[in-house]
Amino acid sequence: MNVWTMNFKNFEKVILSLILLTTQAAVFAQNHRPCSIEGSWISNFGQPPGWEPLLFEEILVPLDPAGAKLSFTGGWPNPGLFMDFAPGTDRAGLGIGTFVRTGHRTYTFTIIAHGSESLPKGTPGRALLRWFWVYSGTAECNNDGTMVKKGTFAIFSFIDVPGTNIHNQDKDRDGFPDPGELPIQTLPWELVSKRVEVQNPYPPTQ
């Protein structure tokens, strides 16, 4: 065996080793890439006996190429939860917020939403702000198309309620609690969200 043949065989071994390492690296990256939560989700808040379930429809949009920070928007098709914390509340605004990745499949988040009271028909002006809540906690992305959020709802008031300790906690009306304000009530809450996946069309009805 001459020197050229030996060098070629050594070169061939190097190439094969590089191909094997590249393949293994690609498989490792595929199996260990962060679990993405971008997309559309539906959560079920649960309900008292005899009530319709309260659904929460959610969209998460990445704010950077790596998907490490995401913008949240969510709303209810049948709002009702927390309406009774302030008299007259009959409207629930969208929940908006931010999610930040903290691990391979974990995130921290804060979501805020506001409730208001409609003006009587024909009355000029805007709906009256009544309450708002801040939901903060952690979220875990699972490979089965679910996401579990664990956190606390903190309820705040836009108004003074006579005869109670409830008072206006956003005097400058910027949509956030004023400095030093504490929530009227806090509620620990776990939400399981299911991802909205693409599915085949249903067969036509006969």
C-alpha atoms as a PDB file:
ATOM      1  CA  MET A   1       0.000   0.000   0.000  1.00  0.00           C
ATOM      2  CA  ASN A   2       1.523   3.291  -1.066  1.00  0.00           C
ATOM      3  CA  VAL A   3       1.398   6.614   0.757  1.00  0.00           C
ATOM      4  CA  TRP A   4      -1.386   7.983  -1.476  1.00  0.00           C
ATOM      5  CA  THR A   5      -3.663   5.029  -0.730  1.00  0.00           C
ATOM      6  CA  MET A   6      -3.033   5.338   3.024  1.00  0.00           C
ATOM      7  CA  ASN A   7      -3.740   9.071   2.996  1.00  0.00           C
ATOM      8  CA  PHE A   8      -6.965   8.550   1.027  1.00  0.00           C
ATOM      9  CA  LYS A   9      -8.215   5.915   3.466  1.00  0.00           C
ATOM     10  CA  ASN A  10      -7.386   8.183   6.406  1.00  0.00           C
ATOM     11  CA  PHE A  11      -9.195  11.052   4.680  1.00  0.00           C
ATOM     12  CA  GLU A  12     -12.188   8.782   4.042  1.00  0.00           C
ATOM     13  CA  LYS A  13     -12.333   7.879   7.759  1.00  0.00           C
ATOM     14  CA  VAL A  14     -12.264  11.575   8.715  1.00  0.00           C
ATOM     15  CA  ILE A  15     -15.108  12.373   6.325  1.00  0.00           C
ATOM     16  CA  LEU A  16     -17.232   9.485   7.625  1.00  0.00           C
ATOM     17  CA  SER A  17     -16.565  10.570  11.223  1.00  0.00           C
ATOM     18  CA  LEU A  18     -17.615  14.140  10.402  1.00  0.00           C
ATOM     19  CA  ILE A  19     -20.816  12.926   8.744  1.00  0.00           C
ATOM     20  CA  LEU A  20     -21.620  10.785  11.791  1.00  0.00           C
ATOM     21  CA  LEU A  21     -20.955  13.676  14.200  1.00  0.00           C
ATOM     22  CA  THR A  22     -23.059  16.058  12.107  1.00  0.00           C
ATOM     23  CA  THR A  23     -25.963  13.588  12.059  1.00  0.00           C
ATOM     24  CA  GLN A  24     -25.733  13.023  15.809  1.00  0.00           C
ATOM     25  CA  ALA A  25     -25.593  16.785  16.422  1.00  0.00           C
ATOM     26  CA  ALA A  26     -28.697  17.332  14.269  1.00  0.00           C
ATOM     27  CA  VAL A  27     -30.607  14.614  16.146  1.00  0.00           C
ATOM     28  CA  PHE A  28     -29.489  16.049  19.500  1.00  0.00           C
ATOM     29  CA  ALA A  29     -30.565  19.568  18.479  1.00  0.00           C
ATOM     30  CA  GLN A  30     -33.934  18.261  17.293  1.00  0.00           C
ATOM     31  CA  ASN A  31     -34.536  16.429  20.580  1.00  0.00           C
ATOM     32  CA  HIS A  32     -33.299  19.229  22.820  1.00  0.00           C
ATOM     33  CA  ARG A  33     -34.518  22.404  21.142  1.00  0.00           C
ATOM     34  CA  PRO A  34     -36.717  24.574  23.381  1.00  0.00           C
ATOM     35  CA  CYS A  35     -40.409  23.685  23.451  1.00  0.00           C
ATOM     36  CA  SER A  36     -42.137  26.454  21.507  1.00  0.00           C
ATOM     37  CA  ILE A  37     -45.382  28.028  22.775  1.00  0.00           C
ATOM     38  CA  GLU A  38     -46.005  30.328  19.825  1.00  0.00           C
ATOM     39  CA  GLY A  39     -49.361  29.807  18.162  1.00  0.00           C
ATOM     40  CA  SER A  40     -53.023  29.576  19.136  1.00  0.00           C
ATOM     41  CA  TRP A  41     -54.389  27.977  22.324  1.00  0.00           C
ATOM     42  CA  ILE A  42     -57.670  27.426  24.172  1.00  0.00           C
ATOM     43  CA  SER A  43     -57.904  27.295  27.981  1.00  0.00           C
ATOM     44  CA  ASN A  44     -60.809  26.187  30.166  1.00  0.00           C
ATOM     45  CA  PHE A  45     -61.161  28.137  33.413  1.00  0.00           C
ATOM     46  CA  GLY A  46     -63.596  25.599  34.829  1.00  0.00           C
ATOM     47  CA  GLN A  47     -67.013  26.515  36.206  1.00  0.00           C
ATOM     48  CA  PRO A  48     -69.365  26.122  39.169  1.00  0.00           C
ATOM     49  CA  PRO A  49     -71.875  23.241  38.879  1.00  0.00           C
ATOM     50  CA  GLY A  50     -74.543  24.003  36.310  1.00  0.00           C
ATOM     51  CA  TRP A  51     -72.595  26.795  34.602  1.00  0.00           C
ATOM     52  CA  GLU A  52     -71.139  26.891  31.104  1.00  0.00           C
ATOM     53  CA  PRO A  53     -67.344  26.536  31.102  1.00  0.00           C
ATOM     54  CA  LEU A  54     -65.447  29.808  30.697  1.00  0.00           C
ATOM     55  CA  LEU A  55     -63.152  29.503  27.682  1.00  0.00           C
ATOM     56  CA  PHE A  56     -60.079  31.665  27.083  1.00  0.00           C
ATOM     57  CA  GLU A  57     -58.815  31.947  23.499  1.00  0.00           C
ATOM     58  CA  GLU A  58     -55.111  32.823  23.334  1.00  0.00           C
ATOM     59  CA  ILE A  59     -52.471  33.804  20.769  1.00  0.00           C
ATOM     60  CA  LEU A  60     -48.722  33.901  21.467  1.00  0.00           C
ATOM     61  CA  VAL A  61     -46.463  35.692  18.962  1.00  0.00           C
ATOM     62  CA  PRO A  62     -42.631  35.623  19.229  1.00  0.00           C
ATOM     63  CA  LEU A  63     -40.904  38.988  19.671  1.00  0.00           C
ATOM     64  CA  ASP A  64     -37.431  37.720  18.695  1.00  0.00           C
ATOM     65  CA  PRO A  65     -36.073  35.090  16.261  1.00  0.00           C
ATOM     66  CA  ALA A  66     -35.310  32.617  19.052  1.00  0.00           C
ATOM     67  CA  GLY A  67     -38.817  32.808  20.516  1.00  0.00           C
ATOM     68  CA  ALA A  68     -37.373  33.656  23.937  1.00  0.00           C
ATOM     69  CA  LYS A  69     -39.896  36.457  24.462  1.00  0.00           C
ATOM     70  CA  LEU A  70     -43.505  36.370  23.271  1.00  0.00           C
ATOM     71  CA  SER A  71     -46.464  38.724  23.170  1.00  0.00           C
ATOM     72  CA  PHE A  72     -49.762  37.358  24.537  1.00  0.00           C
ATOM     73  CA  THR A  73     -53.305  38.273  23.513  1.00  0.00           C
ATOM     74  CA  GLY A  74     -56.404  36.471  24.788  1.00  0.00           C
ATOM     75  CA  GLY A  75     -60.139  36.898  25.116  1.00  0.00           C
ATOM     76  CA  TRP A  76     -63.342  35.173  26.191  1.00  0.00           C
ATOM     77  CA  PRO A  77     -66.275  34.138  23.977  1.00  0.00           C
ATOM     78  CA  ASN A  78     -68.487  34.039  27.124  1.00  0.00           C
ATOM     79  CA  PRO A  79     -66.999  36.354  29.795  1.00  0.00           C
ATOM     80  CA  GLY A  80     -68.312  36.299  33.313  1.00  0.00           C
ATOM     81  CA  LEU A  81     -65.498  35.434  35.696  1.00  0.00           C
ATOM     82  CA  PHE A  82     -64.580  38.292  38.080  1.00  0.00           C
ATOM     83  CA  MET A  83     -67.514  40.388  36.866  1.00  0.00           C
ATOM     84  CA  ASP A  84     -68.953  40.578  40.385  1.00  0.00           C
ATOM     85  CA  PHE A  85     -65.911  42.242  41.921  1.00  0.00           C
ATOM     86  CA  ALA A  86     -67.294  45.663  40.967  1.00  0.00           C
ATOM     87  CA  PRO A  87     -70.964  46.676  40.649  1.00  0.00           C
ATOM     88  CA  GLY A  88     -72.369  46.964  37.141  1.00  0.00           C
ATOM     89  CA  THR A  89     -69.491  45.338  35.285  1.00  0.00           C
ATOM     90  CA  ASP A  90     -70.721  43.835  32.020  1.00  0.00           C
ATOM     91  CA  ARG A  91     -67.723  44.034  29.685  1.00  0.00           C
ATOM     92  CA  ALA A  92     -64.354  42.240  29.773  1.00  0.00           C
ATOM     93  CA  GLY A  93     -61.443  43.530  27.712  1.00  0.00           C
ATOM     94  CA  LEU A  94     -58.744  41.442  26.098  1.00  0.00           C
ATOM     95  CA  GLY A  95     -56.023  39.933  28.220  1.00  0.00           C
ATOM     96  CA  ILE A  96     -52.601  41.131  27.051  1.00  0.00           C
ATOM     97  CA  GLY A  97     -49.161  40.237  28.346  1.00  0.00           C
ATOM     98  CA  THR A  98     -45.641  38.922  27.915  1.00  0.00           C
ATOM     99  CA  PHE A  99     -44.038  35.465  28.246  1.00  0.00           C
ATOM    100  CA  VAL A 100     -40.270  35.037  28.745  1.00  0.00           C
ATOM    101  CA  ARG A 101     -38.462  31.685  28.397  1.00  0.00           C
ATOM    102  CA  THR A 102     -36.613  30.555  31.527  1.00  0.00           C
ATOM    103  CA  GLY A 103     -35.685  26.985  30.552  1.00  0.00           C
ATOM    104  CA  HIS A 104     -35.965  24.247  27.940  1.00  0.00           C
ATOM    105  CA  ARG A 105     -39.766  24.167  28.283  1.00  0.00           C
ATOM    106  CA  THR A 106     -40.554  26.745  30.984  1.00  0.00           C
ATOM    107  CA  TYR A 107     -41.601  30.389  30.879  1.00  0.00           C
ATOM    108  CA  THR A 108     -42.595  33.199  33.234  1.00  0.00           C
ATOM    109  CA  PHE A 109     -45.509  35.427  32.308  1.00  0.00           C
ATOM    110  CA  THR A 110     -47.708  38.367  33.253  1.00  0.00           C
ATOM    111  CA  ILE A 111     -51.155  38.971  31.745  1.00  0.00           C
ATOM    112  CA  ILE A 112     -53.415  41.934  32.512  1.00  0.00           C
ATOM    113  CA  ALA A 113     -57.084  42.561  31.610  1.00  0.00           C
ATOM    114  CA  HIS A 114     -59.696  45.209  32.425  1.00  0.00           C
ATOM    115  CA  GLY A 115     -63.460  45.191  32.976  1.00  0.00           C
ATOM    116  CA  SER A 116     -65.961  48.002  32.423  1.00  0.00           C
ATOM    117  CA  GLU A 117     -69.646  48.956  32.614  1.00  0.00           C
ATOM    118  CA  SER A 118     -71.542  49.952  29.485  1.00  0.00           C
ATOM    119  CA  LEU A 119     -73.233  53.330  29.430  1.00  0.00           C
ATOM    120  CA  PRO A 120     -77.007  53.382  28.893  1.00  0.00           C
ATOM    121  CA  LYS A 121     -77.922  53.372  25.213  1.00  0.00           C
ATOM    122  CA  GLY A 122     -77.751  56.856  23.743  1.00  0.00           C
ATOM    123  CA  THR A 123     -75.523  58.225  26.513  1.00  0.00           C
ATOM    124  CA  PRO A 124     -72.430  59.995  25.147  1.00  0.00           C
ATOM    125  CA  GLY A 125     -69.035  58.982  26.461  1.00  0.00           C
ATOM    126  CA  ARG A 126     -67.100  55.778  27.056  1.00  0.00           C
ATOM    127  CA  ALA A 127     -67.784  52.664  29.101  1.00  0.00           C
ATOM    128  CA  LEU A 128     -66.855  53.126  32.775  1.00  0.00           C
ATOM    129  CA  LEU A 129     -63.760  51.316  34.013  1.00  0.00           C
ATOM    130  CA  ARG A 130     -64.595  49.048  36.976  1.00  0.00           C
ATOM    131  CA  TRP A 131     -61.940  46.434  37.766  1.00  0.00           C
ATOM    132  CA  PHE A 132     -58.760  44.867  36.419  1.00  0.00           C
ATOM    133  CA  TRP A 133     -56.701  41.800  37.172  1.00  0.00           C
ATOM    134  CA  VAL A 134     -53.069  40.804  36.856  1.00  0.00           C
ATOM    135  CA  TYR A 135     -52.240  37.117  36.331  1.00  0.00           C
ATOM    136  CA  SER A 136     -48.554  36.261  36.876  1.00  0.00           C
ATOM    137  CA  GLY A 137     -46.794  32.933  37.192  1.00  0.00           C
ATOM    138  CA  THR A 138     -44.986  30.213  35.280  1.00  0.00           C
ATOM    139  CA  ALA A 139     -45.905  28.160  32.210  1.00  0.00           C
ATOM    140  CA  GLU A 140     -44.653  24.770  31.069  1.00  0.00           C
ATOM    141  CA  CYS A 141     -44.827  23.580  27.470  1.00  0.00           C
ATOM    142  CA  ASN A 142     -45.482  19.865  26.937  1.00  0.00           C
ATOM    143  CA  ASN A 143     -44.885  17.716  23.865  1.00  0.00           C
ATOM    144  CA  ASP A 144     -48.507  16.517  23.847  1.00  0.00           C
ATOM    145  CA  GLY A 145     -49.773  19.913  22.631  1.00  0.00           C
ATOM    146  CA  THR A 146     -50.647  21.283  26.059  1.00  0.00           C
ATOM    147  CA  MET A 147     -49.323  24.143  28.149  1.00  0.00           C
ATOM    148  CA  VAL A 148     -49.836  24.380  31.916  1.00  0.00           C
ATOM    149  CA  LYS A 149     -49.915  27.816  33.545  1.00  0.00           C
ATOM    150  CA  LYS A 150     -49.614  28.114  37.319  1.00  0.00           C
ATOM    151  CA  GLY A 151     -49.927  31.508  38.940  1.00  0.00           C
ATOM    152  CA  THR A 152     -52.022  33.970  40.892  1.00  0.00           C
ATOM    153  CA  PHE A 153     -54.789  36.306  39.810  1.00  0.00           C
ATOM    154  CA  ALA A 154     -54.582  39.644  41.623  1.00  0.00           C
ATOM    155  CA  ILE A 155     -57.816  41.673  41.491  1.00  0.00           C
ATOM    156  CA  PHE A 156     -57.784  45.503  41.590  1.00  0.00           C
ATOM    157  CA  SER A 157     -60.506  48.171  41.488  1.00  0.00           C
ATOM    158  CA  PHE A 158     -60.943  51.246  39.316  1.00  0.00           C
ATOM    159  CA  ILE A 159     -63.615  52.700  41.648  1.00  0.00           C
ATOM    160  CA  ASP A 160     -64.505  53.480  45.249  1.00  0.00           C
ATOM    161  CA  VAL A 161     -67.209  51.160  46.580  1.00  0.00           C
ATOM    162  CA  PRO A 162     -69.127  52.829  49.461  1.00  0.00           C
ATOM    163  CA  GLY A 163     -69.354  50.837  52.669  1.00  0.00           C
ATOM    164  CA  THR A 164     -66.288  48.708  51.838  1.00  0.00           C
ATOM    165  CA  ASN A 165     -62.516  48.993  51.884  1.00  0.00           C
ATOM    166  CA  ILE A 166     -62.481  48.854  48.088  1.00  0.00           C
ATOM    167  CA  HIS A 167     -61.157  52.061  46.528  1.00  0.00           C
ATOM    168  CA  ASN A 168     -59.839  53.400  43.242  1.00  0.00           C
ATOM    169  CA  GLN A 169     -56.425  51.784  42.753  1.00  0.00           C
ATOM    170  CA  ASP A 170     -55.552  53.396  39.415  1.00  0.00           C
ATOM    171  CA  LYS A 171     -56.073  57.120  39.916  1.00  0.00           C
ATOM    172  CA  ASP A 172     -53.888  58.127  36.960  1.00  0.00           C
ATOM    173  CA  ARG A 173     -55.825  55.744  34.681  1.00  0.00           C
ATOM    174  CA  ASP A 174     -52.786  54.196  33.023  1.00  0.00           C
ATOM    175  CA  GLY A 175     -54.253  50.696  33.289  1.00  0.00           C
ATOM    176  CA  PHE A 176     -51.858  49.511  36.017  1.00  0.00           C
ATOM    177  CA  PRO A 177     -52.107  49.461  39.824  1.00  0.00           C
ATOM    178  CA  ASP A 178     -50.780  52.657  41.404  1.00  0.00           C
ATOM    179  CA  PRO A 179     -47.511  52.279  43.359  1.00  0.00           C
ATOM    180  CA  GLY A 180     -48.089  50.703  46.770  1.00  0.00           C
ATOM    181  CA  GLU A 181     -51.564  49.363  45.962  1.00  0.00           C
ATOM    182  CA  LEU A 182     -52.342  45.818  47.066  1.00  0.00           C
ATOM    183  CA  PRO A 183     -54.943  43.612  45.357  1.00  0.00           C
ATOM    184  CA  ILE A 184     -58.492  43.329  46.705  1.00  0.00           C
ATOM    185  CA  GLN A 185     -58.110  39.587  46.471  1.00  0.00           C
ATOM    186  CA  THR A 186     -55.641  37.026  45.132  1.00  0.00           C
ATOM    187  CA  LEU A 187     -56.638  33.690  43.643  1.00  0.00           C
ATOM    188  CA  PRO A 188     -54.158  30.891  42.900  1.00  0.00           C
ATOM    189  CA  TRP A 189     -55.059  29.439  39.524  1.00  0.00           C
ATOM    190  CA  GLU A 190     -53.854  26.648  37.258  1.00  0.00           C
ATOM    191  CA  LEU A 191     -54.839  26.693  33.592  1.00  0.00           C
ATOM    192  CA  VAL A 192     -54.306  23.888  31.092  1.00  0.00           C
ATOM    193  CA  SER A 193     -54.223  25.163  27.514  1.00  0.00           C
ATOM    194  CA  LYS A 194     -54.572  23.033  24.400  1.00  0.00           C
ATOM    195  CA  ARG A 195     -52.889  24.019  21.153  1.00  0.00           C
ATOM    196  CA  VAL A 196     -55.058  24.645  18.088  1.00  0.00           C
ATOM    197  CA  GLU A 197     -53.568  22.314  15.471  1.00  0.00           C
ATOM    198  CA  VAL A 198     -54.263  22.012  11.756  1.00  0.00           C
ATOM    199  CA  GLN A 199     -56.744  19.215  11.106  1.00  0.00           C
ATOM    200  CA  ASN A 200     -58.417  17.700   8.080  1.00  0.00           C
ATOM    201  CA  PRO A 201     -61.775  19.204   7.057  1.00  0.00           C
ATOM    202  CA  TYR A 202     -64.866  17.495   8.378  1.00  0.00           C
ATOM    203  CA  PRO A 203     -66.820  15.527   5.759  1.00  0.00           C
ATOM    204  CA  PRO A 204     -69.713  17.429   4.169  1.00  0.00           C
ATOM    205  CA  THR A 205     -73.114  16.923   5.733  1.00  0.00           C
ATOM    206  CA  GLN A 206     -75.645  14.930   3.756  1.00  0.00           C
END
